N, C-alpha and C. Protein backbone atom coordinates (compact mmCIF):
# COMPACT_ATOMS: atom_id res chain seq x y z
N UNK A 1 109.59 83.23 103.45
CA UNK A 1 110.24 84.37 104.14
C UNK A 1 110.25 85.46 103.09
N UNK A 2 110.17 86.67 103.67
CA UNK A 2 110.04 87.86 102.93
C UNK A 2 111.54 88.16 102.41
N UNK A 3 111.50 88.90 101.21
CA UNK A 3 112.76 89.15 100.47
C UNK A 3 113.43 90.50 101.10
N UNK A 4 112.77 91.46 101.51
CA UNK A 4 113.33 92.74 102.13
C UNK A 4 113.86 92.49 103.56
N UNK A 5 114.80 93.24 103.87
CA UNK A 5 115.22 93.20 105.29
C UNK A 5 114.45 94.28 106.00
N UNK A 6 113.71 93.92 107.04
CA UNK A 6 112.85 95.08 107.64
C UNK A 6 113.37 95.21 109.13
N UNK A 7 112.95 96.36 109.63
CA UNK A 7 113.45 96.60 110.92
C UNK A 7 113.30 95.55 112.10
N UNK A 8 112.07 94.91 111.93
CA UNK A 8 111.72 93.85 113.04
C UNK A 8 111.63 92.61 112.25
N UNK A 9 112.69 91.78 112.40
CA UNK A 9 112.74 90.46 111.78
C UNK A 9 111.86 89.49 112.41
N UNK A 10 111.01 88.84 111.67
CA UNK A 10 110.02 87.92 112.29
C UNK A 10 110.63 86.82 113.06
N UNK A 11 111.84 86.31 112.65
CA UNK A 11 112.66 85.27 113.26
C UNK A 11 112.96 85.64 114.70
N UNK A 12 113.19 87.00 115.02
CA UNK A 12 113.47 87.52 116.28
C UNK A 12 112.30 87.31 117.35
N UNK A 13 111.12 86.90 116.83
CA UNK A 13 109.99 86.84 117.84
C UNK A 13 109.30 85.54 117.64
N UNK A 14 110.10 84.62 117.29
CA UNK A 14 109.44 83.18 117.44
C UNK A 14 109.14 82.64 118.62
N UNK A 15 109.61 83.23 119.80
CA UNK A 15 109.26 82.63 121.11
C UNK A 15 107.99 83.41 121.67
N UNK A 16 107.40 84.33 120.86
CA UNK A 16 106.24 85.09 121.23
C UNK A 16 105.01 84.50 120.48
N UNK A 17 104.16 83.97 121.05
CA UNK A 17 102.97 83.30 120.49
C UNK A 17 102.32 84.15 119.32
N UNK A 18 102.58 83.66 118.09
CA UNK A 18 101.84 84.26 117.00
C UNK A 18 102.39 85.53 116.29
N UNK A 19 103.34 86.21 116.95
CA UNK A 19 103.85 87.27 116.44
C UNK A 19 104.85 87.17 115.42
N UNK A 20 105.62 86.13 115.33
CA UNK A 20 106.55 85.96 114.23
C UNK A 20 105.66 85.68 112.93
N UNK A 21 104.76 85.04 112.97
CA UNK A 21 103.80 84.60 111.90
C UNK A 21 103.01 85.81 111.34
N UNK A 22 102.74 86.68 112.28
CA UNK A 22 101.88 87.81 111.88
C UNK A 22 102.77 88.89 111.22
N UNK A 23 104.04 88.97 111.67
CA UNK A 23 105.07 90.07 111.13
C UNK A 23 105.36 89.48 109.68
N UNK A 24 105.62 88.16 109.55
CA UNK A 24 105.90 87.57 108.28
C UNK A 24 104.79 87.78 107.25
N UNK A 25 103.71 87.62 107.63
CA UNK A 25 102.47 87.78 106.75
C UNK A 25 102.36 89.32 106.37
N UNK A 26 102.50 90.24 107.41
CA UNK A 26 102.41 91.55 107.21
C UNK A 26 103.43 92.02 106.13
N UNK A 27 104.64 91.59 106.34
CA UNK A 27 105.73 92.07 105.42
C UNK A 27 105.56 91.42 103.96
N UNK A 28 105.00 90.22 103.86
CA UNK A 28 104.76 89.47 102.65
C UNK A 28 103.61 90.35 101.84
N UNK A 29 102.57 90.77 102.57
CA UNK A 29 101.37 91.63 102.11
C UNK A 29 102.01 92.99 101.77
N UNK A 30 102.99 93.55 102.48
CA UNK A 30 103.47 94.80 102.15
C UNK A 30 104.36 94.77 100.80
N UNK A 31 105.12 93.63 100.74
CA UNK A 31 105.86 93.49 99.55
C UNK A 31 104.84 93.31 98.20
N UNK A 32 103.76 92.63 98.44
CA UNK A 32 102.80 92.40 97.22
C UNK A 32 102.11 93.67 97.00
N UNK A 33 101.89 94.50 97.87
CA UNK A 33 101.41 95.89 97.60
C UNK A 33 102.45 96.77 96.96
N UNK A 34 103.57 96.71 97.50
CA UNK A 34 104.69 97.60 96.80
C UNK A 34 104.98 97.04 95.45
N UNK A 35 104.83 95.89 95.00
CA UNK A 35 105.03 95.36 93.84
C UNK A 35 103.81 95.76 92.78
N UNK A 36 102.76 95.66 93.36
CA UNK A 36 101.44 95.90 92.57
C UNK A 36 100.43 96.61 93.42
N UNK A 37 100.43 98.00 93.10
CA UNK A 37 99.57 98.82 94.04
C UNK A 37 98.08 98.90 93.60
N UNK A 38 97.44 97.63 93.87
CA UNK A 38 96.06 97.55 93.63
C UNK A 38 95.12 97.85 94.87
N UNK A 39 93.95 98.12 94.67
CA UNK A 39 93.03 98.28 95.92
C UNK A 39 93.05 97.01 96.54
N UNK A 40 92.91 95.83 96.11
CA UNK A 40 92.74 94.53 96.79
C UNK A 40 93.96 94.28 97.58
N UNK A 41 95.30 94.53 97.03
CA UNK A 41 96.43 94.47 97.90
C UNK A 41 96.53 95.26 98.92
N UNK A 42 96.13 96.69 98.91
CA UNK A 42 95.89 97.58 99.77
C UNK A 42 95.08 97.19 101.00
N UNK A 43 93.99 96.75 100.56
CA UNK A 43 92.85 96.41 101.57
C UNK A 43 93.58 95.15 102.45
N UNK A 44 93.99 94.20 101.77
CA UNK A 44 94.67 92.99 102.49
C UNK A 44 95.68 93.54 103.43
N UNK A 45 96.65 94.38 102.95
CA UNK A 45 97.65 94.85 103.93
C UNK A 45 96.97 95.64 105.11
N UNK A 46 96.13 96.49 104.94
CA UNK A 46 95.53 97.33 105.97
C UNK A 46 94.70 96.30 107.05
N UNK A 47 94.02 95.32 106.49
CA UNK A 47 93.29 94.39 107.17
C UNK A 47 94.34 93.72 108.13
N UNK A 48 95.30 93.09 107.60
CA UNK A 48 96.31 92.45 108.24
C UNK A 48 97.11 93.35 109.34
N UNK A 49 97.31 94.58 108.97
CA UNK A 49 97.75 95.56 109.86
C UNK A 49 96.91 95.72 111.20
N UNK A 50 95.53 95.54 110.98
CA UNK A 50 94.75 95.53 112.18
C UNK A 50 95.01 94.26 113.06
N UNK A 51 95.06 93.18 112.26
CA UNK A 51 95.29 91.87 113.06
C UNK A 51 96.51 91.86 113.83
N UNK A 52 97.55 92.47 113.19
CA UNK A 52 98.91 92.64 113.98
C UNK A 52 98.81 93.45 115.03
N UNK A 53 98.06 94.56 115.01
CA UNK A 53 97.95 95.54 116.10
C UNK A 53 97.32 94.70 117.23
N UNK A 54 96.18 93.94 117.07
CA UNK A 54 95.51 93.16 118.13
C UNK A 54 96.44 92.10 118.72
N UNK A 55 97.14 91.55 117.82
CA UNK A 55 98.16 90.57 118.33
C UNK A 55 99.25 91.15 119.37
N UNK A 56 99.75 92.32 118.86
CA UNK A 56 100.61 92.96 119.80
C UNK A 56 99.89 93.33 121.21
N UNK A 57 98.68 93.86 121.04
CA UNK A 57 97.98 94.15 122.22
C UNK A 57 97.74 93.06 123.13
N UNK A 58 97.56 91.87 122.69
CA UNK A 58 97.42 90.73 123.46
C UNK A 58 98.64 90.30 124.11
N UNK A 59 99.65 90.33 123.25
CA UNK A 59 101.04 89.83 123.74
C UNK A 59 101.58 90.97 124.94
N UNK A 60 101.09 92.19 124.81
CA UNK A 60 101.44 93.13 125.96
C UNK A 60 100.59 92.71 127.22
N UNK A 61 99.41 92.39 127.03
CA UNK A 61 98.57 91.98 128.27
C UNK A 61 99.06 90.63 128.85
N UNK A 62 99.60 89.82 128.04
CA UNK A 62 100.24 88.56 128.59
C UNK A 62 101.58 88.69 129.19
N UNK A 63 102.14 89.85 128.97
CA UNK A 63 103.51 90.02 129.45
C UNK A 63 104.69 89.51 128.55
N UNK A 64 104.25 89.10 127.36
CA UNK A 64 105.16 88.48 126.44
C UNK A 64 106.12 89.46 125.75
N UNK A 65 105.68 90.69 125.66
CA UNK A 65 106.25 91.85 124.97
C UNK A 65 106.01 93.17 125.78
N UNK A 66 107.11 94.06 125.84
CA UNK A 66 106.89 95.29 126.46
C UNK A 66 105.97 96.20 125.70
N UNK A 67 105.46 97.24 126.38
CA UNK A 67 104.67 98.20 125.67
C UNK A 67 105.52 99.04 124.68
N UNK A 68 106.69 99.43 125.15
CA UNK A 68 107.69 100.14 124.38
C UNK A 68 107.97 99.45 122.94
N UNK A 69 108.25 98.04 123.06
CA UNK A 69 108.56 97.32 121.88
C UNK A 69 107.47 97.18 121.00
N UNK A 70 106.22 96.87 121.54
CA UNK A 70 104.94 96.96 120.72
C UNK A 70 104.74 98.31 120.19
N UNK A 71 104.88 99.40 120.77
CA UNK A 71 104.79 100.73 120.29
C UNK A 71 105.83 100.94 119.11
N UNK A 72 106.97 100.58 119.17
CA UNK A 72 108.11 100.65 118.07
C UNK A 72 107.56 99.93 116.93
N UNK A 73 107.11 98.52 117.26
CA UNK A 73 106.73 97.80 116.10
C UNK A 73 105.38 98.42 115.30
N UNK A 74 104.51 98.99 116.16
CA UNK A 74 103.29 99.65 115.51
C UNK A 74 103.67 100.84 114.67
N UNK A 75 104.65 101.67 115.24
CA UNK A 75 105.06 102.89 114.51
C UNK A 75 105.77 102.48 113.18
N UNK A 76 106.56 101.37 113.27
CA UNK A 76 107.07 100.87 111.92
C UNK A 76 106.15 100.43 111.05
N UNK A 77 105.12 99.66 111.68
CA UNK A 77 104.14 99.23 110.65
C UNK A 77 103.13 100.28 110.09
N UNK A 78 102.92 101.36 110.87
CA UNK A 78 102.17 102.41 110.19
C UNK A 78 103.07 103.08 109.17
N UNK A 79 104.44 103.23 109.44
CA UNK A 79 105.28 103.77 108.37
C UNK A 79 105.12 103.12 107.00
N UNK A 80 105.06 101.74 107.16
CA UNK A 80 104.99 100.90 105.98
C UNK A 80 103.61 101.00 105.33
N UNK A 81 102.69 101.10 106.22
CA UNK A 81 101.15 101.26 105.80
C UNK A 81 100.91 102.70 104.93
N UNK A 82 101.58 103.68 105.40
CA UNK A 82 101.27 104.99 104.91
C UNK A 82 102.42 105.62 104.14
N UNK A 83 103.39 104.86 103.77
CA UNK A 83 104.42 105.29 102.93
C UNK A 83 104.10 105.90 101.54
């Protein structure tokens, strides 16, 4: 589990296929990049950000998450990616 409290807690999305794990991994990668700002950590974070984007997109199409919630999660994700 991640150390920092983030706006979207992965545990709140355990009922949505894959989303909890994707958020948890994204946050772990964000913490790794925050602790050590290397190119490798940055690339891993951005790559997983793309994976998370498509997970959100698929969950919208399935009706598991609303477009509004997915949009808010993506905005939060982008804030973390480009802070």
